[in-house]
């Protein structure tokens, strides 16, 4: 991942100290249900497309930009699957430490856009579409984890529950709470 200029500027002042950054992950599918992956130049692992949100940029726009920059594919985010923070800092080979709050988006190829992936920058060695049962063996652990989140989200969506996945450790969820019913009651009470 190429380091954005705003991070390089911050690093001049704080060195390798831990940064809290907003990240995005794109789970992009084509019309055949294949997943878009890139083989990262830094780790040599295959991965979903990931990126860092620039100051003032919307996370969904980051997804579109990163997918285009890294693979040449034009995508459109359709669902926010999860919002999740890292449990522990990532330490890069140069010593920089970061924690990410990741926004995982489910995306489709834009109808009139490019759907043929190609290596479009120095961050990727290869890019391509993969069937879910033919994923590369050297898939990154974080991509495996996020793919499981997408499968969990899609399984719930089929059952009518399309809420974004997230973790809350400070409050006990109400298992019987029905947002649709609550909203319906609210509208009819006014």
N, C-alpha and C. Protein backbone atom coordinates (compact mmCIF):
# COMPACT_ATOMS: atom_id res chain seq x y z
N UNK A 1 0.84 -1.16 0.00
CA UNK A 1 0.00 0.00 0.00
C UNK A 1 0.90 1.23 0.00
N UNK A 2 0.71 2.10 -0.96
CA UNK A 2 1.47 3.34 -1.02
C UNK A 2 1.01 4.23 0.12
N UNK A 3 1.93 4.83 0.81
CA UNK A 3 1.59 5.68 1.96
C UNK A 3 1.12 7.04 1.47
N UNK A 4 -0.10 7.45 1.85
CA UNK A 4 -0.60 8.76 1.44
C UNK A 4 0.26 9.90 2.01
N UNK A 5 0.27 11.02 1.30
CA UNK A 5 1.07 12.18 1.70
C UNK A 5 0.73 12.67 3.10
N UNK A 6 -0.55 12.66 3.48
CA UNK A 6 -0.91 13.20 4.79
C UNK A 6 -0.29 12.36 5.92
N UNK A 7 -0.11 11.06 5.67
CA UNK A 7 0.53 10.21 6.68
C UNK A 7 2.03 10.48 6.71
N UNK A 8 2.65 10.65 5.55
CA UNK A 8 4.08 10.98 5.51
C UNK A 8 4.34 12.29 6.26
N UNK A 9 3.44 13.27 6.10
CA UNK A 9 3.58 14.53 6.82
C UNK A 9 3.47 14.33 8.33
N UNK A 10 2.50 13.52 8.76
CA UNK A 10 2.36 13.23 10.19
C UNK A 10 3.59 12.51 10.74
N UNK A 11 4.11 11.56 9.98
CA UNK A 11 5.27 10.79 10.42
C UNK A 11 6.49 11.67 10.66
N UNK A 12 6.60 12.80 9.95
CA UNK A 12 7.71 13.73 10.18
C UNK A 12 7.69 14.27 11.61
N UNK A 13 6.49 14.34 12.19
CA UNK A 13 6.34 14.91 13.53
C UNK A 13 6.27 13.85 14.63
N UNK A 14 5.72 12.68 14.31
CA UNK A 14 5.50 11.68 15.37
C UNK A 14 6.36 10.43 15.20
N UNK A 15 7.14 10.37 14.15
CA UNK A 15 7.98 9.20 13.94
C UNK A 15 7.16 7.94 13.73
N UNK A 16 7.53 6.86 14.42
CA UNK A 16 6.86 5.57 14.25
C UNK A 16 5.71 5.35 15.22
N UNK A 17 5.35 6.37 16.01
CA UNK A 17 4.28 6.21 16.99
C UNK A 17 2.99 5.73 16.31
N UNK A 18 2.17 5.08 17.10
CA UNK A 18 0.93 4.50 16.60
C UNK A 18 -0.02 5.56 16.08
N UNK A 19 -0.56 5.31 14.88
CA UNK A 19 -1.58 6.17 14.27
C UNK A 19 -2.89 5.40 14.22
N UNK A 20 -3.99 6.11 14.41
CA UNK A 20 -5.33 5.56 14.26
C UNK A 20 -5.83 6.03 12.90
N UNK A 21 -6.06 5.08 11.98
CA UNK A 21 -6.45 5.43 10.62
C UNK A 21 -7.76 4.75 10.23
N UNK A 22 -8.47 5.40 9.33
CA UNK A 22 -9.69 4.83 8.78
C UNK A 22 -9.34 4.12 7.48
N UNK A 23 -9.71 2.85 7.41
CA UNK A 23 -9.44 2.05 6.23
C UNK A 23 -10.70 1.53 5.59
N UNK A 24 -10.56 1.05 4.37
CA UNK A 24 -11.68 0.41 3.67
C UNK A 24 -11.21 -0.89 3.04
N UNK A 25 -12.17 -1.78 2.89
CA UNK A 25 -11.95 -3.03 2.16
C UNK A 25 -13.09 -3.19 1.17
N UNK A 26 -12.75 -3.60 -0.05
CA UNK A 26 -13.74 -3.81 -1.09
C UNK A 26 -13.87 -5.29 -1.41
N UNK A 27 -15.06 -5.82 -1.22
CA UNK A 27 -15.40 -7.18 -1.64
C UNK A 27 -16.19 -6.98 -2.93
N UNK A 28 -15.50 -7.05 -4.07
CA UNK A 28 -16.10 -6.75 -5.37
C UNK A 28 -16.44 -8.05 -6.08
N UNK A 29 -17.68 -8.15 -6.55
CA UNK A 29 -18.10 -9.32 -7.31
C UNK A 29 -18.50 -8.89 -8.72
N UNK A 30 -18.27 -9.81 -9.67
CA UNK A 30 -18.71 -9.56 -11.04
C UNK A 30 -20.04 -10.27 -11.28
N UNK A 31 -20.53 -10.22 -12.52
CA UNK A 31 -21.82 -10.83 -12.86
C UNK A 31 -21.82 -12.34 -12.72
N UNK A 32 -20.64 -12.94 -12.66
CA UNK A 32 -20.54 -14.40 -12.50
C UNK A 32 -20.35 -14.79 -11.04
N UNK A 33 -20.34 -13.82 -10.14
CA UNK A 33 -20.18 -14.09 -8.71
C UNK A 33 -18.74 -14.28 -8.28
N UNK A 34 -17.80 -13.97 -9.17
CA UNK A 34 -16.38 -14.09 -8.81
C UNK A 34 -15.94 -12.88 -8.00
N UNK A 35 -14.90 -13.08 -7.19
CA UNK A 35 -14.38 -12.04 -6.29
C UNK A 35 -13.10 -11.46 -6.89
N UNK A 36 -12.97 -10.15 -6.81
CA UNK A 36 -11.78 -9.45 -7.29
C UNK A 36 -10.69 -9.47 -6.22
N UNK A 37 -9.52 -9.96 -6.59
CA UNK A 37 -8.38 -10.02 -5.68
C UNK A 37 -7.14 -9.45 -6.35
N UNK A 38 -6.22 -8.98 -5.53
CA UNK A 38 -4.93 -8.53 -6.03
C UNK A 38 -3.82 -9.17 -5.22
N UNK A 39 -2.73 -9.52 -5.90
CA UNK A 39 -1.56 -10.04 -5.20
C UNK A 39 -0.69 -8.84 -4.83
N UNK A 40 -0.57 -8.60 -3.54
CA UNK A 40 0.13 -7.41 -3.04
C UNK A 40 1.62 -7.49 -3.30
N UNK A 41 2.22 -6.38 -3.70
CA UNK A 41 3.65 -6.33 -3.96
C UNK A 41 4.46 -6.41 -2.66
N UNK A 42 3.91 -5.87 -1.56
CA UNK A 42 4.68 -5.83 -0.31
C UNK A 42 4.71 -7.17 0.42
N UNK A 43 3.62 -7.94 0.39
CA UNK A 43 3.56 -9.20 1.13
C UNK A 43 3.54 -10.44 0.24
N UNK A 44 3.30 -10.22 -1.06
CA UNK A 44 3.15 -11.30 -2.04
C UNK A 44 1.89 -12.14 -1.82
N UNK A 45 1.04 -11.74 -0.87
CA UNK A 45 -0.21 -12.44 -0.58
C UNK A 45 -1.34 -11.87 -1.44
N UNK A 46 -2.29 -12.74 -1.75
CA UNK A 46 -3.50 -12.29 -2.43
C UNK A 46 -4.41 -11.65 -1.40
N UNK A 47 -5.14 -10.62 -1.83
CA UNK A 47 -5.93 -9.84 -0.87
C UNK A 47 -7.11 -9.18 -1.56
N UNK A 48 -8.14 -8.92 -0.77
CA UNK A 48 -9.19 -8.01 -1.21
C UNK A 48 -8.54 -6.63 -1.36
N UNK A 49 -9.15 -5.76 -2.12
CA UNK A 49 -8.60 -4.41 -2.29
C UNK A 49 -8.87 -3.60 -1.02
N UNK A 50 -7.80 -3.02 -0.48
CA UNK A 50 -7.90 -2.24 0.76
C UNK A 50 -7.23 -0.89 0.56
N UNK A 51 -7.65 0.09 1.35
CA UNK A 51 -7.04 1.40 1.23
C UNK A 51 -7.29 2.26 2.45
N UNK A 52 -6.66 3.41 2.46
CA UNK A 52 -6.76 4.37 3.55
C UNK A 52 -7.61 5.55 3.09
N UNK A 53 -8.56 5.94 3.94
CA UNK A 53 -9.42 7.08 3.64
C UNK A 53 -8.59 8.36 3.78
N UNK A 54 -8.62 9.17 2.73
CA UNK A 54 -7.92 10.46 2.74
C UNK A 54 -8.74 11.46 3.56
N UNK A 55 -8.11 12.49 4.14
CA UNK A 55 -8.86 13.49 4.89
C UNK A 55 -9.99 14.09 4.04
N UNK A 56 -11.20 14.10 4.60
CA UNK A 56 -12.36 14.66 3.91
C UNK A 56 -13.02 13.73 2.91
N UNK A 57 -12.48 12.55 2.71
CA UNK A 57 -13.02 11.60 1.74
C UNK A 57 -14.03 10.68 2.41
N UNK A 58 -15.09 10.35 1.71
CA UNK A 58 -16.07 9.40 2.20
C UNK A 58 -15.52 7.98 2.03
N UNK A 59 -15.73 7.08 3.00
CA UNK A 59 -15.21 5.71 2.87
C UNK A 59 -15.67 5.00 1.59
N UNK A 60 -16.91 5.19 1.18
CA UNK A 60 -17.38 4.56 -0.06
C UNK A 60 -16.62 5.08 -1.27
N UNK A 61 -16.28 6.37 -1.26
CA UNK A 61 -15.48 6.93 -2.35
C UNK A 61 -14.07 6.35 -2.34
N UNK A 62 -13.54 6.10 -1.15
CA UNK A 62 -12.22 5.49 -1.04
C UNK A 62 -12.22 4.12 -1.71
N UNK A 63 -13.27 3.34 -1.47
CA UNK A 63 -13.38 2.01 -2.09
C UNK A 63 -13.34 2.12 -3.61
N UNK A 64 -14.15 3.01 -4.16
CA UNK A 64 -14.20 3.18 -5.62
C UNK A 64 -12.83 3.59 -6.15
N UNK A 65 -12.20 4.56 -5.48
CA UNK A 65 -10.89 5.05 -5.90
C UNK A 65 -9.83 3.96 -5.83
N UNK A 66 -9.76 3.25 -4.71
CA UNK A 66 -8.74 2.22 -4.53
C UNK A 66 -8.90 1.06 -5.52
N UNK A 67 -10.13 0.62 -5.74
CA UNK A 67 -10.35 -0.47 -6.70
C UNK A 67 -9.90 -0.04 -8.09
N UNK A 68 -10.24 1.19 -8.48
CA UNK A 68 -9.83 1.71 -9.79
C UNK A 68 -8.30 1.84 -9.87
N UNK A 69 -7.68 2.42 -8.82
CA UNK A 69 -6.24 2.62 -8.84
C UNK A 69 -5.47 1.30 -8.89
N UNK A 70 -5.93 0.30 -8.14
CA UNK A 70 -5.17 -0.94 -8.02
C UNK A 70 -5.49 -1.98 -9.08
N UNK A 71 -6.73 -1.95 -9.62
CA UNK A 71 -7.13 -3.02 -10.54
C UNK A 71 -7.69 -2.54 -11.87
N UNK A 72 -7.98 -1.24 -11.99
CA UNK A 72 -8.59 -0.72 -13.20
C UNK A 72 -10.08 -0.99 -13.30
N UNK A 73 -10.65 -1.71 -12.35
CA UNK A 73 -12.07 -2.07 -12.39
C UNK A 73 -12.91 -0.92 -11.82
N UNK A 74 -14.04 -0.65 -12.48
CA UNK A 74 -14.99 0.35 -12.00
C UNK A 74 -16.05 -0.36 -11.16
N UNK A 75 -16.13 0.01 -9.89
CA UNK A 75 -17.09 -0.65 -9.00
C UNK A 75 -18.03 0.36 -8.38
N UNK A 76 -19.10 -0.16 -7.81
CA UNK A 76 -20.03 0.66 -7.06
C UNK A 76 -20.35 -0.06 -5.75
N UNK A 77 -20.13 0.60 -4.61
CA UNK A 77 -20.48 -0.02 -3.33
C UNK A 77 -22.00 -0.09 -3.19
N UNK A 78 -22.50 -1.24 -2.77
CA UNK A 78 -23.94 -1.41 -2.60
C UNK A 78 -24.33 -1.61 -1.14
N UNK A 79 -23.42 -2.14 -0.32
CA UNK A 79 -23.73 -2.43 1.08
C UNK A 79 -22.51 -2.19 1.95
N UNK A 80 -22.74 -1.63 3.13
CA UNK A 80 -21.71 -1.56 4.15
C UNK A 80 -21.86 -2.83 4.99
N UNK A 81 -20.92 -3.73 4.86
CA UNK A 81 -21.00 -5.04 5.50
C UNK A 81 -20.64 -4.96 6.98
N UNK A 82 -19.51 -4.32 7.28
CA UNK A 82 -19.08 -4.25 8.67
C UNK A 82 -18.21 -3.03 8.91
N UNK A 83 -18.16 -2.65 10.19
CA UNK A 83 -17.24 -1.63 10.68
C UNK A 83 -16.51 -2.29 11.83
N UNK A 84 -15.19 -2.34 11.75
CA UNK A 84 -14.43 -3.12 12.70
C UNK A 84 -13.07 -2.48 12.94
N UNK A 85 -12.66 -2.46 14.22
CA UNK A 85 -11.34 -1.95 14.59
C UNK A 85 -10.37 -3.10 14.77
N UNK A 86 -9.10 -2.84 14.47
CA UNK A 86 -8.05 -3.83 14.73
C UNK A 86 -7.95 -4.07 16.24
N UNK A 87 -7.62 -5.31 16.60
CA UNK A 87 -7.42 -5.66 18.00
C UNK A 87 -6.04 -5.26 18.50
N UNK A 88 -5.09 -5.23 17.60
CA UNK A 88 -3.71 -4.93 17.97
C UNK A 88 -3.06 -4.14 16.84
N UNK A 89 -2.02 -3.37 17.18
CA UNK A 89 -1.40 -2.54 16.14
C UNK A 89 -0.68 -3.38 15.09
N UNK A 90 -0.67 -2.85 13.90
CA UNK A 90 0.12 -3.43 12.81
C UNK A 90 1.43 -2.68 12.80
N UNK A 91 2.52 -3.40 12.76
CA UNK A 91 3.85 -2.78 12.71
C UNK A 91 4.45 -3.12 11.35
N UNK A 92 4.68 -2.09 10.55
CA UNK A 92 5.25 -2.29 9.22
C UNK A 92 6.76 -2.48 9.32
N UNK A 93 7.36 -2.95 8.25
CA UNK A 93 8.80 -3.27 8.26
C UNK A 93 9.67 -2.06 8.59
N UNK A 94 9.19 -0.85 8.30
CA UNK A 94 9.97 0.34 8.62
C UNK A 94 9.77 0.80 10.07
N UNK A 95 8.92 0.08 10.84
CA UNK A 95 8.67 0.41 12.24
C UNK A 95 7.42 1.22 12.49
N UNK A 96 6.78 1.73 11.46
CA UNK A 96 5.54 2.49 11.63
C UNK A 96 4.46 1.59 12.24
N UNK A 97 3.72 2.16 13.22
CA UNK A 97 2.63 1.43 13.87
C UNK A 97 1.30 2.08 13.53
N UNK A 98 0.30 1.25 13.22
CA UNK A 98 -1.04 1.76 12.92
C UNK A 98 -2.11 0.83 13.49
N UNK A 99 -3.24 1.41 13.77
CA UNK A 99 -4.48 0.69 14.06
C UNK A 99 -5.49 1.20 13.05
N UNK A 100 -6.24 0.30 12.47
CA UNK A 100 -7.24 0.68 11.47
C UNK A 100 -8.65 0.46 12.00
N UNK A 101 -9.54 1.37 11.66
CA UNK A 101 -10.97 1.13 11.75
C UNK A 101 -11.39 0.89 10.30
N UNK A 102 -11.74 -0.36 10.00
CA UNK A 102 -12.03 -0.75 8.63
C UNK A 102 -13.52 -0.73 8.34
N UNK A 103 -13.86 -0.20 7.17
CA UNK A 103 -15.22 -0.23 6.63
C UNK A 103 -15.20 -1.23 5.47
N UNK A 104 -15.88 -2.34 5.64
CA UNK A 104 -15.92 -3.40 4.63
C UNK A 104 -17.18 -3.21 3.78
N UNK A 105 -16.97 -3.00 2.47
CA UNK A 105 -18.08 -2.77 1.55
C UNK A 105 -18.25 -3.95 0.59
N UNK A 106 -19.51 -4.30 0.32
CA UNK A 106 -19.85 -5.22 -0.76
C UNK A 106 -20.05 -4.35 -1.99
N UNK A 107 -19.39 -4.71 -3.09
CA UNK A 107 -19.44 -3.89 -4.30
C UNK A 107 -19.74 -4.75 -5.52
N UNK A 108 -20.32 -4.11 -6.51
CA UNK A 108 -20.55 -4.74 -7.81
C UNK A 108 -19.80 -3.94 -8.87
N UNK A 109 -19.57 -4.56 -10.00
CA UNK A 109 -18.96 -3.85 -11.13
C UNK A 109 -19.99 -2.88 -11.69
N UNK A 110 -19.56 -1.65 -11.99
CA UNK A 110 -20.47 -0.68 -12.59
C UNK A 110 -20.94 -1.18 -13.94
N UNK A 111 -22.20 -1.02 -14.20
CA UNK A 111 -22.81 -1.54 -15.42
C UNK A 111 -22.09 -1.08 -16.69
N UNK A 112 -21.76 0.18 -16.78
CA UNK A 112 -21.10 0.72 -17.98
C UNK A 112 -19.60 0.86 -17.80
N UNK A 113 -19.07 0.35 -16.69
CA UNK A 113 -17.65 0.53 -16.39
C UNK A 113 -16.79 -0.62 -16.86
N UNK A 114 -15.50 -0.50 -16.60
CA UNK A 114 -14.53 -1.54 -16.94
C UNK A 114 -14.64 -2.69 -15.94
N UNK A 115 -14.70 -3.91 -16.46
CA UNK A 115 -14.76 -5.09 -15.59
C UNK A 115 -13.54 -6.00 -15.78
N UNK A 116 -12.63 -5.59 -16.65
CA UNK A 116 -11.43 -6.40 -16.91
C UNK A 116 -10.27 -5.89 -16.05
N UNK A 117 -9.89 -6.66 -15.02
CA UNK A 117 -8.83 -6.17 -14.14
C UNK A 117 -7.45 -6.21 -14.80
N UNK A 118 -6.64 -5.25 -14.42
CA UNK A 118 -5.25 -5.21 -14.85
C UNK A 118 -4.44 -4.52 -13.75
N UNK A 119 -3.15 -4.84 -13.68
CA UNK A 119 -2.29 -4.19 -12.69
C UNK A 119 -2.18 -2.72 -13.09
N UNK A 120 -2.64 -1.86 -12.19
CA UNK A 120 -2.75 -0.44 -12.53
C UNK A 120 -1.81 0.44 -11.71
N UNK A 121 -1.09 -0.14 -10.75
CA UNK A 121 -0.13 0.63 -9.96
C UNK A 121 0.92 -0.31 -9.38
N UNK A 122 1.85 0.24 -8.62
CA UNK A 122 2.96 -0.54 -8.08
C UNK A 122 2.58 -1.36 -6.85
N UNK A 123 1.34 -1.23 -6.36
CA UNK A 123 0.92 -1.95 -5.16
C UNK A 123 0.60 -3.41 -5.43
N UNK A 124 0.33 -3.77 -6.69
CA UNK A 124 -0.09 -5.13 -7.02
C UNK A 124 0.86 -5.78 -8.01
N UNK A 125 1.08 -7.09 -7.83
CA UNK A 125 1.85 -7.88 -8.79
C UNK A 125 0.94 -8.47 -9.85
N UNK A 126 -0.23 -8.94 -9.40
CA UNK A 126 -1.25 -9.53 -10.27
C UNK A 126 -2.62 -9.15 -9.72
N UNK A 127 -3.62 -9.14 -10.58
CA UNK A 127 -5.01 -8.94 -10.16
C UNK A 127 -5.88 -9.87 -10.99
N UNK A 128 -7.04 -10.24 -10.43
CA UNK A 128 -7.93 -11.11 -11.19
C UNK A 128 -9.19 -11.47 -10.44
N UNK A 129 -10.09 -12.12 -11.18
CA UNK A 129 -11.35 -12.61 -10.63
C UNK A 129 -11.18 -14.07 -10.22
N UNK A 130 -11.76 -14.43 -9.08
CA UNK A 130 -11.66 -15.80 -8.57
C UNK A 130 -13.02 -16.30 -8.13
N UNK A 131 -13.33 -17.54 -8.48
CA UNK A 131 -14.53 -18.19 -7.97
C UNK A 131 -14.30 -18.46 -6.49
N UNK A 132 -15.37 -18.45 -5.72
CA UNK A 132 -15.23 -18.63 -4.27
C UNK A 132 -14.66 -19.99 -3.90
N UNK A 133 -14.82 -20.98 -4.76
CA UNK A 133 -14.27 -22.31 -4.47
C UNK A 133 -12.90 -22.52 -5.12
N UNK A 134 -12.32 -21.48 -5.72
CA UNK A 134 -11.01 -21.57 -6.36
C UNK A 134 -10.11 -20.40 -5.95
N UNK A 135 -10.14 -20.05 -4.67
CA UNK A 135 -9.33 -18.94 -4.18
C UNK A 135 -7.86 -19.36 -4.10
N UNK A 136 -6.94 -18.42 -4.25
CA UNK A 136 -5.52 -18.75 -4.15
C UNK A 136 -5.16 -19.26 -2.75
N UNK A 137 -4.19 -20.16 -2.69
CA UNK A 137 -3.75 -20.71 -1.40
C UNK A 137 -3.11 -19.64 -0.51
N UNK A 138 -2.42 -18.69 -1.12
CA UNK A 138 -1.71 -17.67 -0.35
C UNK A 138 -2.55 -16.40 -0.17
N UNK A 139 -3.80 -16.60 0.29
CA UNK A 139 -4.72 -15.51 0.57
C UNK A 139 -4.40 -14.96 1.96
N UNK A 140 -4.36 -13.64 2.09
CA UNK A 140 -4.02 -13.03 3.38
C UNK A 140 -5.06 -13.39 4.44
N UNK A 141 -4.59 -13.48 5.69
CA UNK A 141 -5.49 -13.82 6.80
C UNK A 141 -6.58 -12.78 6.98
N UNK A 142 -6.23 -11.50 6.83
CA UNK A 142 -7.24 -10.46 7.00
C UNK A 142 -8.30 -10.57 5.91
N UNK A 143 -7.92 -10.95 4.70
CA UNK A 143 -8.92 -11.13 3.64
C UNK A 143 -9.82 -12.32 3.93
N UNK A 144 -9.24 -13.40 4.45
CA UNK A 144 -10.06 -14.56 4.83
C UNK A 144 -11.10 -14.16 5.88
N UNK A 145 -10.65 -13.40 6.87
CA UNK A 145 -11.55 -12.95 7.94
C UNK A 145 -12.67 -12.09 7.37
N UNK A 146 -12.31 -11.17 6.49
CA UNK A 146 -13.33 -10.26 5.93
C UNK A 146 -14.26 -10.99 4.97
N UNK A 147 -13.76 -12.01 4.30
CA UNK A 147 -14.64 -12.81 3.44
C UNK A 147 -15.66 -13.58 4.28
N UNK A 148 -15.24 -14.03 5.46
CA UNK A 148 -16.19 -14.70 6.36
C UNK A 148 -17.26 -13.71 6.83
N UNK A 149 -16.87 -12.46 7.08
CA UNK A 149 -17.84 -11.44 7.46
C UNK A 149 -18.85 -11.20 6.33
N UNK A 150 -18.37 -11.17 5.10
CA UNK A 150 -19.27 -10.98 3.96
C UNK A 150 -20.25 -12.16 3.88
N UNK A 151 -19.75 -13.38 4.03
CA UNK A 151 -20.64 -14.55 3.97
C UNK A 151 -21.67 -14.50 5.09
N UNK A 152 -21.26 -14.09 6.29
CA UNK A 152 -22.20 -13.95 7.41
C UNK A 152 -23.25 -12.89 7.08
N UNK A 153 -22.80 -11.76 6.56
CA UNK A 153 -23.71 -10.68 6.19
C UNK A 153 -24.71 -11.13 5.13
N UNK A 154 -24.20 -11.79 4.08
CA UNK A 154 -25.08 -12.23 3.00
C UNK A 154 -26.08 -13.28 3.49
N UNK A 155 -25.65 -14.16 4.38
CA UNK A 155 -26.56 -15.16 4.95
C UNK A 155 -27.69 -14.49 5.72
N UNK A 156 -27.37 -13.46 6.46
CA UNK A 156 -28.39 -12.73 7.22
C UNK A 156 -29.29 -11.94 6.29
N UNK A 157 -28.71 -11.36 5.22
CA UNK A 157 -29.49 -10.55 4.28
C UNK A 157 -30.57 -11.40 3.60
N UNK A 158 -30.22 -12.62 3.23
CA UNK A 158 -31.18 -13.53 2.60
C UNK A 158 -32.38 -13.75 3.53
N UNK A 159 -32.13 -13.72 4.83
CA UNK A 159 -33.20 -13.93 5.82
C UNK A 159 -33.90 -12.62 6.19
N UNK A 160 -33.55 -11.53 5.50
CA UNK A 160 -34.22 -10.26 5.73
C UNK A 160 -33.53 -9.34 6.72
N UNK A 161 -32.35 -9.71 7.20
CA UNK A 161 -31.62 -8.89 8.17
C UNK A 161 -30.37 -8.33 7.51
N UNK A 162 -30.45 -7.08 7.02
CA UNK A 162 -29.33 -6.50 6.29
C UNK A 162 -28.58 -5.45 7.12
N UNK A 163 -28.65 -5.59 8.44
CA UNK A 163 -27.93 -4.64 9.29
C UNK A 163 -26.42 -4.85 9.15
N UNK A 164 -25.69 -3.74 9.25
CA UNK A 164 -24.23 -3.78 9.21
C UNK A 164 -23.71 -4.53 10.43
N UNK A 165 -22.67 -5.34 10.23
CA UNK A 165 -22.06 -6.09 11.32
C UNK A 165 -21.06 -5.20 12.05
N UNK A 166 -21.07 -5.27 13.36
CA UNK A 166 -20.11 -4.54 14.17
C UNK A 166 -20.02 -5.21 15.53
N UNK A 167 -18.99 -4.86 16.27
CA UNK A 167 -18.79 -5.40 17.60
C UNK A 167 -19.04 -4.31 18.63
N UNK A 168 -19.78 -4.64 19.67
CA UNK A 168 -19.99 -3.73 20.79
C UNK A 168 -19.73 -4.53 22.05
N UNK A 169 -18.67 -4.19 22.75
CA UNK A 169 -18.31 -4.95 23.95
C UNK A 169 -18.86 -4.32 25.23
N UNK A 170 -19.44 -3.12 25.16
CA UNK A 170 -19.89 -2.43 26.36
C UNK A 170 -21.39 -2.52 26.61
N UNK A 171 -22.15 -3.04 25.67
CA UNK A 171 -23.60 -3.14 25.84
C UNK A 171 -24.06 -4.53 25.42
N UNK A 172 -25.03 -5.05 26.16
CA UNK A 172 -25.59 -6.35 25.83
C UNK A 172 -26.69 -6.14 24.79
N UNK A 173 -26.59 -6.77 23.62
CA UNK A 173 -27.60 -6.54 22.58
C UNK A 173 -28.96 -7.12 22.99
N UNK A 174 -30.00 -6.44 22.54
CA UNK A 174 -31.35 -6.92 22.77
C UNK A 174 -31.69 -7.89 21.65
N UNK A 175 -31.80 -9.15 21.97
CA UNK A 175 -32.00 -10.17 20.94
C UNK A 175 -33.37 -10.07 20.28
N UNK A 176 -34.35 -9.47 20.97
CA UNK A 176 -35.71 -9.41 20.42
C UNK A 176 -36.01 -8.09 19.73
N UNK A 177 -35.07 -7.17 19.69
CA UNK A 177 -35.33 -5.86 19.09
C UNK A 177 -35.51 -6.01 17.59
N UNK A 178 -36.60 -5.44 17.07
CA UNK A 178 -36.92 -5.49 15.65
C UNK A 178 -36.98 -4.06 15.14
N UNK A 179 -35.97 -3.64 14.41
CA UNK A 179 -35.88 -2.26 13.93
C UNK A 179 -37.04 -1.91 13.01
N UNK A 180 -37.40 -2.81 12.11
CA UNK A 180 -38.50 -2.53 11.18
C UNK A 180 -39.80 -2.31 11.94
N UNK A 181 -40.07 -3.14 12.94
CA UNK A 181 -41.29 -2.99 13.73
C UNK A 181 -41.26 -1.70 14.55
N UNK A 182 -40.10 -1.39 15.12
CA UNK A 182 -39.95 -0.16 15.88
C UNK A 182 -40.25 1.06 15.00
N UNK A 183 -39.70 1.06 13.79
CA UNK A 183 -39.91 2.18 12.85
C UNK A 183 -41.37 2.29 12.45
N UNK A 184 -41.99 1.14 12.16
CA UNK A 184 -43.40 1.12 11.78
C UNK A 184 -44.26 1.69 12.92
N UNK A 185 -43.98 1.28 14.15
CA UNK A 185 -44.73 1.79 15.31
C UNK A 185 -44.51 3.28 15.49
N UNK A 186 -43.30 3.74 15.27
CA UNK A 186 -42.98 5.15 15.41
C UNK A 186 -43.77 6.00 14.41
N UNK A 187 -43.79 5.55 13.16
CA UNK A 187 -44.49 6.29 12.11
C UNK A 187 -45.99 6.33 12.39
N UNK A 188 -46.54 5.23 12.81
CA UNK A 188 -48.00 5.17 13.05
C UNK A 188 -48.41 5.86 14.32
N UNK A 189 -47.47 6.12 15.24
CA UNK A 189 -47.84 6.80 16.47
C UNK A 189 -47.86 8.31 16.30
N UNK A 190 -47.32 8.81 15.19
CA UNK A 190 -47.29 10.27 14.96
C UNK A 190 -48.42 10.74 14.11
